[in-house]
Amino acid sequence: MGTPAPDAVERLVDRFDQDRKVFLSGDYKEEQLRAEFLNPFFTALGWDMDNTLDTIRARNWGSGAVEKLGLERLQTATAQAAAGSRTSSRQKP
């Protein structure tokens, strides 16, 4: 048997089962789903849904690798890439 679900996930499942008709109706909006189920579900699994670590994931397009960058490093990398793009576009005939 696999690892048991965290208690928070079990409570979300129980809550869904209790009000299934409401959640499956056309009146239940995506915003509500995110706030009441998706974000708490992923938080229970250890995800940082509120970005409390203040990190951004940026793709290194040359290698395809994904690296976690702080906001300052991302801004520096973006500025450098933009400067390189302007330089290379001026060099083309």
N, C-alpha and C. Protein backbone atom coordinates (compact mmCIF):
# COMPACT_ATOMS: atom_id res chain seq x y z
N MET A 1 0.84 -1.19 0.00
CA MET A 1 0.00 0.00 0.00
C MET A 1 0.88 1.25 0.00
N GLY A 2 0.43 2.33 -0.64
CA GLY A 2 1.20 3.57 -0.76
C GLY A 2 1.16 4.40 0.51
N THR A 3 1.76 5.56 0.42
CA THR A 3 1.80 6.50 1.53
C THR A 3 0.41 7.09 1.75
N PRO A 4 -0.04 7.17 2.99
CA PRO A 4 -1.36 7.75 3.24
C PRO A 4 -1.39 9.24 2.91
N ALA A 5 -2.55 9.72 2.53
CA ALA A 5 -2.72 11.13 2.20
C ALA A 5 -2.62 11.96 3.47
N PRO A 6 -2.07 13.18 3.37
CA PRO A 6 -2.05 14.07 4.54
C PRO A 6 -3.47 14.34 5.03
N ASP A 7 -3.61 14.61 6.32
CA ASP A 7 -4.93 14.88 6.91
C ASP A 7 -5.65 16.01 6.18
N ALA A 8 -4.92 17.04 5.79
CA ALA A 8 -5.54 18.17 5.10
C ALA A 8 -6.18 17.73 3.79
N VAL A 9 -5.56 16.80 3.08
CA VAL A 9 -6.12 16.29 1.82
C VAL A 9 -7.38 15.48 2.11
N GLU A 10 -7.34 14.67 3.14
CA GLU A 10 -8.52 13.88 3.50
C GLU A 10 -9.69 14.79 3.86
N ARG A 11 -9.41 15.90 4.57
CA ARG A 11 -10.48 16.85 4.91
C ARG A 11 -11.05 17.50 3.65
N LEU A 12 -10.20 17.81 2.67
CA LEU A 12 -10.68 18.40 1.41
C LEU A 12 -11.58 17.41 0.68
N VAL A 13 -11.20 16.15 0.65
CA VAL A 13 -12.01 15.12 -0.02
C VAL A 13 -13.35 14.98 0.70
N ASP A 14 -13.33 14.94 2.02
CA ASP A 14 -14.58 14.84 2.78
C ASP A 14 -15.49 16.04 2.51
N ARG A 15 -14.90 17.22 2.48
CA ARG A 15 -15.70 18.42 2.22
C ARG A 15 -16.31 18.38 0.83
N PHE A 16 -15.55 17.93 -0.15
CA PHE A 16 -16.06 17.82 -1.51
C PHE A 16 -17.23 16.84 -1.55
N ASP A 17 -17.06 15.70 -0.91
CA ASP A 17 -18.13 14.69 -0.91
C ASP A 17 -19.41 15.22 -0.27
N GLN A 18 -19.28 16.03 0.77
CA GLN A 18 -20.46 16.56 1.47
C GLN A 18 -21.27 17.51 0.60
N ASP A 19 -20.61 18.31 -0.22
CA ASP A 19 -21.30 19.31 -1.05
C ASP A 19 -21.04 19.12 -2.52
N ARG A 20 -20.96 17.89 -2.95
CA ARG A 20 -20.63 17.55 -4.33
C ARG A 20 -21.50 18.29 -5.35
N LYS A 21 -22.80 18.38 -5.13
CA LYS A 21 -23.70 19.03 -6.09
C LYS A 21 -23.33 20.50 -6.29
N VAL A 22 -22.99 21.18 -5.21
CA VAL A 22 -22.62 22.60 -5.30
C VAL A 22 -21.35 22.76 -6.13
N PHE A 23 -20.35 21.92 -5.84
CA PHE A 23 -19.07 22.05 -6.51
C PHE A 23 -19.13 21.66 -7.99
N LEU A 24 -20.05 20.80 -8.35
CA LEU A 24 -20.17 20.39 -9.74
C LEU A 24 -21.16 21.25 -10.54
N SER A 25 -21.81 22.19 -9.87
CA SER A 25 -22.77 23.05 -10.55
C SER A 25 -22.03 24.10 -11.39
N GLY A 26 -22.72 24.67 -12.33
CA GLY A 26 -22.15 25.72 -13.16
C GLY A 26 -21.94 27.02 -12.41
N ASP A 27 -22.52 27.12 -11.21
CA ASP A 27 -22.38 28.34 -10.42
C ASP A 27 -21.08 28.40 -9.62
N TYR A 28 -20.42 27.29 -9.49
CA TYR A 28 -19.17 27.24 -8.72
C TYR A 28 -18.04 27.70 -9.63
N LYS A 29 -17.39 28.79 -9.28
CA LYS A 29 -16.41 29.45 -10.14
C LYS A 29 -14.99 28.93 -9.91
N GLU A 30 -14.16 29.14 -10.93
CA GLU A 30 -12.76 28.72 -10.88
C GLU A 30 -12.03 29.37 -9.70
N GLU A 31 -12.30 30.64 -9.43
CA GLU A 31 -11.65 31.33 -8.31
C GLU A 31 -11.95 30.62 -7.00
N GLN A 32 -13.20 30.19 -6.84
CA GLN A 32 -13.59 29.48 -5.63
C GLN A 32 -12.86 28.14 -5.54
N LEU A 33 -12.79 27.44 -6.66
CA LEU A 33 -12.11 26.16 -6.70
C LEU A 33 -10.65 26.30 -6.27
N ARG A 34 -9.99 27.31 -6.82
CA ARG A 34 -8.59 27.55 -6.47
C ARG A 34 -8.43 27.84 -4.98
N ALA A 35 -9.25 28.77 -4.47
CA ALA A 35 -9.13 29.20 -3.08
C ALA A 35 -9.51 28.10 -2.09
N GLU A 36 -10.54 27.34 -2.41
CA GLU A 36 -11.09 26.37 -1.46
C GLU A 36 -10.51 24.97 -1.59
N PHE A 37 -9.96 24.62 -2.77
CA PHE A 37 -9.48 23.25 -2.96
C PHE A 37 -8.06 23.15 -3.53
N LEU A 38 -7.81 23.78 -4.67
CA LEU A 38 -6.52 23.57 -5.33
C LEU A 38 -5.34 24.09 -4.51
N ASN A 39 -5.40 25.34 -4.09
CA ASN A 39 -4.28 25.88 -3.31
C ASN A 39 -4.08 25.11 -2.00
N PRO A 40 -5.14 24.84 -1.22
CA PRO A 40 -4.94 24.04 -0.01
C PRO A 40 -4.42 22.63 -0.30
N PHE A 41 -4.84 22.03 -1.40
CA PHE A 41 -4.37 20.70 -1.77
C PHE A 41 -2.86 20.70 -2.01
N PHE A 42 -2.41 21.62 -2.87
CA PHE A 42 -0.98 21.67 -3.17
C PHE A 42 -0.15 22.13 -1.97
N THR A 43 -0.70 23.01 -1.13
CA THR A 43 -0.02 23.41 0.09
C THR A 43 0.17 22.20 1.01
N ALA A 44 -0.85 21.36 1.12
CA ALA A 44 -0.77 20.15 1.94
C ALA A 44 0.31 19.19 1.43
N LEU A 45 0.59 19.26 0.13
CA LEU A 45 1.63 18.41 -0.45
C LEU A 45 3.02 19.06 -0.39
N GLY A 46 3.08 20.26 0.22
CA GLY A 46 4.37 20.91 0.41
C GLY A 46 4.73 21.98 -0.60
N TRP A 47 3.83 22.32 -1.49
CA TRP A 47 4.12 23.35 -2.48
C TRP A 47 4.02 24.73 -1.84
N ASP A 48 4.80 25.69 -2.34
CA ASP A 48 4.78 27.07 -1.86
C ASP A 48 3.80 27.87 -2.73
N MET A 49 2.53 27.73 -2.47
CA MET A 49 1.50 28.34 -3.32
C MET A 49 1.42 29.87 -3.17
N ASP A 50 1.93 30.41 -2.06
CA ASP A 50 1.88 31.86 -1.84
C ASP A 50 3.22 32.52 -2.10
N ASN A 51 4.17 31.76 -2.66
CA ASN A 51 5.51 32.25 -2.96
C ASN A 51 6.15 32.90 -1.74
N THR A 52 6.05 32.24 -0.60
CA THR A 52 6.64 32.76 0.63
C THR A 52 8.16 32.73 0.56
N LEU A 53 8.73 31.95 -0.33
CA LEU A 53 10.18 31.89 -0.49
C LEU A 53 10.70 32.97 -1.43
N ASP A 54 9.77 33.72 -2.06
CA ASP A 54 10.11 34.82 -2.97
C ASP A 54 11.08 34.36 -4.06
N THR A 55 10.75 33.26 -4.70
CA THR A 55 11.58 32.77 -5.79
C THR A 55 10.79 32.70 -7.07
N ILE A 56 11.51 32.72 -8.16
CA ILE A 56 10.91 32.62 -9.48
C ILE A 56 11.66 31.55 -10.24
N ARG A 57 10.95 30.74 -10.97
CA ARG A 57 11.61 29.72 -11.77
C ARG A 57 11.81 30.29 -13.17
N ALA A 58 13.03 30.25 -13.62
CA ALA A 58 13.36 30.78 -14.94
C ALA A 58 14.02 29.68 -15.76
N ARG A 59 13.73 29.64 -17.03
CA ARG A 59 14.30 28.61 -17.90
C ARG A 59 15.58 29.13 -18.53
N ASN A 60 16.59 28.29 -18.48
CA ASN A 60 17.83 28.57 -19.19
C ASN A 60 17.64 27.99 -20.58
N TRP A 61 17.31 28.82 -21.55
CA TRP A 61 16.88 28.33 -22.86
C TRP A 61 18.00 27.62 -23.61
N GLY A 62 19.25 27.94 -23.32
CA GLY A 62 20.35 27.29 -24.02
C GLY A 62 20.46 25.81 -23.70
N SER A 63 20.27 25.45 -22.44
CA SER A 63 20.46 24.05 -22.04
C SER A 63 19.14 23.34 -21.78
N GLY A 64 18.05 24.10 -21.64
CA GLY A 64 16.76 23.49 -21.31
C GLY A 64 16.61 23.23 -19.82
N ALA A 65 17.63 23.56 -19.02
CA ALA A 65 17.57 23.33 -17.58
C ALA A 65 16.72 24.40 -16.91
N VAL A 66 16.10 24.06 -15.83
CA VAL A 66 15.31 25.02 -15.06
C VAL A 66 16.08 25.31 -13.78
N GLU A 67 16.25 26.60 -13.49
CA GLU A 67 17.01 27.01 -12.32
C GLU A 67 16.14 27.94 -11.48
N LYS A 68 16.18 27.78 -10.15
CA LYS A 68 15.47 28.69 -9.27
C LYS A 68 16.32 29.93 -9.07
N LEU A 69 15.72 31.08 -9.34
CA LEU A 69 16.44 32.34 -9.21
C LEU A 69 15.71 33.26 -8.25
N GLY A 70 16.46 34.02 -7.47
CA GLY A 70 15.86 35.10 -6.69
C GLY A 70 15.45 36.20 -7.64
N LEU A 71 14.58 37.05 -7.22
CA LEU A 71 14.06 38.12 -8.08
C LEU A 71 15.19 39.00 -8.61
N GLU A 72 16.16 39.36 -7.77
CA GLU A 72 17.25 40.23 -8.20
C GLU A 72 18.07 39.57 -9.31
N ARG A 73 18.40 38.30 -9.16
CA ARG A 73 19.17 37.61 -10.18
C ARG A 73 18.39 37.50 -11.48
N LEU A 74 17.08 37.28 -11.37
CA LEU A 74 16.26 37.18 -12.57
C LEU A 74 16.23 38.52 -13.31
N GLN A 75 16.09 39.60 -12.57
CA GLN A 75 16.07 40.92 -13.21
C GLN A 75 17.40 41.21 -13.91
N THR A 76 18.50 40.85 -13.27
CA THR A 76 19.82 41.05 -13.87
C THR A 76 19.94 40.23 -15.15
N ALA A 77 19.55 38.98 -15.09
CA ALA A 77 19.64 38.10 -16.26
C ALA A 77 18.76 38.61 -17.40
N THR A 78 17.57 39.11 -17.07
CA THR A 78 16.65 39.63 -18.08
C THR A 78 17.23 40.88 -18.74
N ALA A 79 17.81 41.77 -17.93
CA ALA A 79 18.41 42.99 -18.47
C ALA A 79 19.58 42.65 -19.39
N GLN A 80 20.40 41.69 -18.98
CA GLN A 80 21.54 41.29 -19.80
C GLN A 80 21.07 40.68 -21.12
N ALA A 81 20.04 39.86 -21.06
CA ALA A 81 19.51 39.24 -22.28
C ALA A 81 18.94 40.29 -23.22
N ALA A 82 18.24 41.27 -22.66
CA ALA A 82 17.67 42.35 -23.49
C ALA A 82 18.78 43.17 -24.13
N ALA A 83 19.84 43.45 -23.38
CA ALA A 83 20.96 44.22 -23.93
C ALA A 83 21.64 43.44 -25.05
N GLY A 84 21.82 42.15 -24.86
CA GLY A 84 22.42 41.30 -25.89
C GLY A 84 21.55 41.22 -27.12
N SER A 85 20.25 41.19 -26.94
CA SER A 85 19.31 41.13 -28.05
C SER A 85 19.37 42.41 -28.88
N ARG A 86 19.47 43.56 -28.20
CA ARG A 86 19.55 44.84 -28.92
C ARG A 86 20.85 44.93 -29.70
N THR A 87 21.93 44.45 -29.10
CA THR A 87 23.23 44.50 -29.75
C THR A 87 23.25 43.62 -30.99
N SER A 88 22.74 42.40 -30.88
CA SER A 88 22.77 41.49 -32.01
C SER A 88 21.83 41.92 -33.12
N SER A 89 20.71 42.59 -32.79
CA SER A 89 19.79 43.03 -33.84
C SER A 89 20.38 44.20 -34.62
N ARG A 90 21.26 45.00 -33.98
CA ARG A 90 21.90 46.12 -34.68
C ARG A 90 22.98 45.63 -35.63
N GLN A 91 23.55 44.47 -35.34
CA GLN A 91 24.63 43.96 -36.16
C GLN A 91 24.14 43.31 -37.44
N LYS A 92 22.87 42.97 -37.52
CA LYS A 92 22.33 42.33 -38.71
C LYS A 92 22.11 43.36 -39.81
N PRO A 93 22.38 43.00 -41.07
CA PRO A 93 22.19 43.96 -42.19
C PRO A 93 20.73 44.23 -42.45
